[in-house]
Structures are given as structure tokens and as C-alpha cells.
Amino acid sequence: MLKQFRFTRNRASLGYRVLDRQDPNTCYGIAWHHRDGSDWVAEYPGHTPGNGGGIPGFASREQAARFLYRYRRPQPSGRP
């Protein structure tokens, strides 16, 4: 699930929080796109979005979101 937001410092950038479908409190990271750029960036949680970090080069926000979900999916604890 993607949830749209605007950056507080850089209002030109548009971002999407990549959230778990069953538990919206679980965030896998942020997929963001700058108006001046042509690529989407996948950024893991804990980094400051829009500061040049992350993994650039995705053609769409869906591809960036899938990457974050697939490679940082939380592990189940095994508890009922």
C-alpha cells in the first residue's frame, strides 16, 4: 500500500510511504520522485528522505515500492 505525502523542506518532491497491507503501522521505506529528475528513488526507513540517499533508477513508484517490500519485509515472530 502506498500513502502519498509532501516533503516538509523540499516541497517540489513527491513521496509515497510503502506500508504493509495488513498492518499499516509497518513502513518498509519511501519511494520518492523529484520533479526535476526522471527516476524514482527507493529509500529504506531511518534515512532522511530527499537528501540524496536511497537507491535511484526505478522507472515507476510501483517498482521502487516492490523493491522495498521484497528486500526489507519484516520477519514474523512466530507468536500467535
N, C-alpha and C. Protein backbone atom coordinates (compact mmCIF):
# COMPACT_ATOMS: atom_id res chain seq x y z
N MET A 1 0.84 -1.17 0.00
CA MET A 1 0.00 0.00 0.00
C MET A 1 0.89 1.24 0.00
N LEU A 2 0.55 2.22 -0.79
CA LEU A 2 1.31 3.46 -0.87
C LEU A 2 0.49 4.60 -0.29
N LYS A 3 1.12 5.44 0.51
CA LYS A 3 0.45 6.60 1.09
C LYS A 3 1.23 7.86 0.69
N GLN A 4 0.59 8.76 -0.04
CA GLN A 4 1.25 9.94 -0.58
C GLN A 4 1.50 10.99 0.50
N PHE A 5 2.62 11.72 0.36
CA PHE A 5 2.93 12.85 1.24
C PHE A 5 3.84 13.82 0.50
N ARG A 6 3.97 15.03 1.03
CA ARG A 6 4.90 16.04 0.52
C ARG A 6 6.00 16.23 1.55
N PHE A 7 7.21 16.45 1.09
CA PHE A 7 8.33 16.71 2.00
C PHE A 7 8.15 18.07 2.64
N THR A 8 8.57 18.21 3.89
CA THR A 8 8.41 19.48 4.58
C THR A 8 9.44 20.51 4.10
N ARG A 9 10.65 20.08 3.81
CA ARG A 9 11.69 21.02 3.38
C ARG A 9 11.67 21.25 1.88
N ASN A 10 11.60 20.19 1.10
CA ASN A 10 11.65 20.29 -0.35
C ASN A 10 10.25 20.02 -0.89
N ARG A 11 9.45 21.06 -1.05
CA ARG A 11 8.05 20.91 -1.44
C ARG A 11 7.89 20.44 -2.88
N ALA A 12 8.96 20.47 -3.68
CA ALA A 12 8.87 20.03 -5.07
C ALA A 12 8.87 18.51 -5.19
N SER A 13 9.35 17.83 -4.18
CA SER A 13 9.43 16.37 -4.22
C SER A 13 8.12 15.75 -3.74
N LEU A 14 7.74 14.68 -4.39
CA LEU A 14 6.54 13.94 -4.03
C LEU A 14 6.97 12.55 -3.57
N GLY A 15 6.48 12.10 -2.44
CA GLY A 15 6.88 10.81 -1.91
C GLY A 15 5.70 9.94 -1.56
N TYR A 16 5.98 8.65 -1.43
CA TYR A 16 4.98 7.67 -1.03
C TYR A 16 5.59 6.77 0.03
N ARG A 17 4.91 6.64 1.15
CA ARG A 17 5.32 5.69 2.17
C ARG A 17 4.86 4.30 1.73
N VAL A 18 5.73 3.33 1.82
CA VAL A 18 5.39 1.96 1.45
C VAL A 18 5.00 1.24 2.75
N LEU A 19 3.69 0.98 2.90
CA LEU A 19 3.15 0.41 4.12
C LEU A 19 2.68 -1.02 3.89
N ASP A 20 2.69 -1.80 4.96
CA ASP A 20 2.19 -3.17 4.90
C ASP A 20 0.67 -3.15 4.76
N ARG A 21 0.12 -4.05 3.97
CA ARG A 21 -1.33 -4.07 3.74
C ARG A 21 -2.11 -4.53 4.96
N GLN A 22 -1.58 -5.50 5.71
CA GLN A 22 -2.28 -5.99 6.89
C GLN A 22 -2.05 -5.10 8.12
N ASP A 23 -0.87 -4.50 8.21
CA ASP A 23 -0.54 -3.65 9.36
C ASP A 23 0.00 -2.32 8.86
N PRO A 24 -0.85 -1.30 8.71
CA PRO A 24 -0.40 -0.01 8.18
C PRO A 24 0.63 0.71 9.06
N ASN A 25 0.87 0.21 10.27
CA ASN A 25 1.90 0.81 11.13
C ASN A 25 3.29 0.37 10.73
N THR A 26 3.41 -0.66 9.89
CA THR A 26 4.70 -1.16 9.42
C THR A 26 5.06 -0.47 8.13
N CYS A 27 6.16 0.28 8.16
CA CYS A 27 6.63 1.02 6.98
C CYS A 27 7.91 0.37 6.46
N TYR A 28 7.93 0.06 5.16
CA TYR A 28 9.10 -0.57 4.54
C TYR A 28 10.08 0.46 4.01
N GLY A 29 9.66 1.69 3.86
CA GLY A 29 10.51 2.74 3.33
C GLY A 29 9.69 3.76 2.56
N ILE A 30 10.40 4.53 1.74
CA ILE A 30 9.76 5.61 0.99
C ILE A 30 10.21 5.54 -0.46
N ALA A 31 9.24 5.67 -1.35
CA ALA A 31 9.54 5.81 -2.78
C ALA A 31 9.24 7.27 -3.12
N TRP A 32 10.24 7.98 -3.64
CA TRP A 32 10.02 9.40 -3.93
C TRP A 32 10.56 9.79 -5.29
N HIS A 33 10.03 10.87 -5.80
CA HIS A 33 10.36 11.36 -7.15
C HIS A 33 10.48 12.87 -7.10
N HIS A 34 11.55 13.38 -7.68
CA HIS A 34 11.74 14.83 -7.75
C HIS A 34 11.28 15.30 -9.12
N ARG A 35 10.62 16.43 -9.14
CA ARG A 35 10.10 16.97 -10.41
C ARG A 35 11.18 17.16 -11.46
N ASP A 36 12.39 17.53 -11.03
CA ASP A 36 13.48 17.78 -11.98
C ASP A 36 14.13 16.50 -12.48
N GLY A 37 13.94 15.39 -11.77
CA GLY A 37 14.56 14.12 -12.15
C GLY A 37 13.61 13.27 -12.97
N SER A 38 14.14 12.20 -13.51
CA SER A 38 13.30 11.31 -14.31
C SER A 38 13.13 9.94 -13.66
N ASP A 39 13.80 9.69 -12.55
CA ASP A 39 13.76 8.38 -11.91
C ASP A 39 13.12 8.46 -10.53
N TRP A 40 12.59 7.33 -10.11
CA TRP A 40 12.08 7.18 -8.75
C TRP A 40 13.20 6.62 -7.88
N VAL A 41 13.17 6.97 -6.60
CA VAL A 41 14.19 6.54 -5.64
C VAL A 41 13.52 5.71 -4.54
N ALA A 42 14.12 4.58 -4.20
CA ALA A 42 13.66 3.74 -3.09
C ALA A 42 14.57 4.03 -1.90
N GLU A 43 13.97 4.38 -0.78
CA GLU A 43 14.75 4.72 0.40
C GLU A 43 14.26 3.95 1.62
N TYR A 44 15.19 3.29 2.30
CA TYR A 44 14.84 2.48 3.46
C TYR A 44 14.48 3.36 4.66
N PRO A 45 13.71 2.82 5.61
CA PRO A 45 13.38 3.60 6.82
C PRO A 45 14.64 3.97 7.59
N GLY A 46 14.56 5.10 8.27
CA GLY A 46 15.69 5.56 9.07
C GLY A 46 16.55 6.57 8.35
N HIS A 47 16.49 6.63 7.03
CA HIS A 47 17.21 7.64 6.26
C HIS A 47 16.33 8.87 6.14
N THR A 48 16.94 10.02 5.92
CA THR A 48 16.17 11.24 5.73
C THR A 48 15.79 11.35 4.26
N PRO A 49 14.52 11.19 3.93
CA PRO A 49 14.12 11.18 2.52
C PRO A 49 14.38 12.50 1.82
N GLY A 50 14.80 12.41 0.57
CA GLY A 50 15.01 13.59 -0.24
C GLY A 50 16.37 14.24 -0.08
N ASN A 51 17.27 13.64 0.70
CA ASN A 51 18.59 14.23 0.92
C ASN A 51 19.67 13.57 0.08
N GLY A 52 19.29 12.96 -1.02
CA GLY A 52 20.28 12.36 -1.91
C GLY A 52 20.62 10.93 -1.56
N GLY A 53 19.99 10.37 -0.55
CA GLY A 53 20.22 8.98 -0.20
C GLY A 53 19.28 8.07 -0.95
N GLY A 54 19.36 6.81 -0.70
CA GLY A 54 18.46 5.86 -1.33
C GLY A 54 19.03 5.25 -2.59
N ILE A 55 18.20 4.48 -3.26
CA ILE A 55 18.61 3.75 -4.46
C ILE A 55 17.84 4.32 -5.64
N PRO A 56 18.48 5.10 -6.51
CA PRO A 56 17.77 5.70 -7.65
C PRO A 56 17.68 4.74 -8.83
N GLY A 57 16.89 5.12 -9.82
CA GLY A 57 16.89 4.40 -11.08
C GLY A 57 15.65 3.58 -11.37
N PHE A 58 14.61 3.68 -10.55
CA PHE A 58 13.39 2.93 -10.81
C PHE A 58 12.51 3.70 -11.79
N ALA A 59 11.87 2.98 -12.71
CA ALA A 59 11.04 3.62 -13.73
C ALA A 59 9.70 4.07 -13.19
N SER A 60 9.22 3.46 -12.11
CA SER A 60 7.92 3.83 -11.56
C SER A 60 7.94 3.70 -10.04
N ARG A 61 6.95 4.31 -9.42
CA ARG A 61 6.87 4.21 -7.95
C ARG A 61 6.52 2.79 -7.53
N GLU A 62 5.77 2.06 -8.37
CA GLU A 62 5.42 0.69 -8.05
C GLU A 62 6.66 -0.20 -8.00
N GLN A 63 7.59 -0.01 -8.94
CA GLN A 63 8.82 -0.80 -8.93
C GLN A 63 9.66 -0.50 -7.69
N ALA A 64 9.75 0.77 -7.33
CA ALA A 64 10.51 1.14 -6.13
C ALA A 64 9.85 0.55 -4.88
N ALA A 65 8.52 0.59 -4.82
CA ALA A 65 7.80 0.05 -3.67
C ALA A 65 7.98 -1.46 -3.57
N ARG A 66 7.90 -2.16 -4.70
CA ARG A 66 8.11 -3.62 -4.70
C ARG A 66 9.50 -3.99 -4.22
N PHE A 67 10.50 -3.21 -4.65
CA PHE A 67 11.86 -3.46 -4.21
C PHE A 67 11.96 -3.34 -2.68
N LEU A 68 11.41 -2.26 -2.13
CA LEU A 68 11.47 -2.07 -0.67
C LEU A 68 10.73 -3.18 0.06
N TYR A 69 9.57 -3.56 -0.45
CA TYR A 69 8.78 -4.60 0.20
C TYR A 69 9.48 -5.95 0.15
N ARG A 70 10.06 -6.26 -0.99
CA ARG A 70 10.67 -7.58 -1.16
C ARG A 70 11.97 -7.74 -0.38
N TYR A 71 12.78 -6.71 -0.32
CA TYR A 71 14.10 -6.84 0.30
C TYR A 71 14.18 -6.33 1.72
N ARG A 72 13.11 -5.83 2.29
CA ARG A 72 13.09 -5.40 3.69
C ARG A 72 11.84 -5.82 4.41
N ARG A 73 11.24 -6.90 3.95
CA ARG A 73 10.00 -7.36 4.58
C ARG A 73 10.31 -7.81 6.00
N PRO A 74 9.52 -7.36 6.98
CA PRO A 74 9.76 -7.79 8.36
C PRO A 74 9.55 -9.29 8.52
N GLN A 75 10.35 -9.90 9.35
CA GLN A 75 10.25 -11.32 9.61
C GLN A 75 9.18 -11.57 10.68
N PRO A 76 8.30 -12.55 10.48
CA PRO A 76 7.30 -12.85 11.51
C PRO A 76 7.96 -13.40 12.77
N SER A 77 7.40 -13.08 13.90
CA SER A 77 7.99 -13.50 15.17
C SER A 77 7.64 -14.94 15.50
N GLY A 78 6.57 -15.49 14.89
CA GLY A 78 6.16 -16.84 15.19
C GLY A 78 5.17 -16.94 16.34
N ARG A 79 4.88 -15.80 16.96
CA ARG A 79 3.92 -15.79 18.06
C ARG A 79 2.50 -15.75 17.50
N PRO A 80 1.56 -16.38 18.17
CA PRO A 80 0.16 -16.34 17.69
C PRO A 80 -0.49 -15.00 17.87
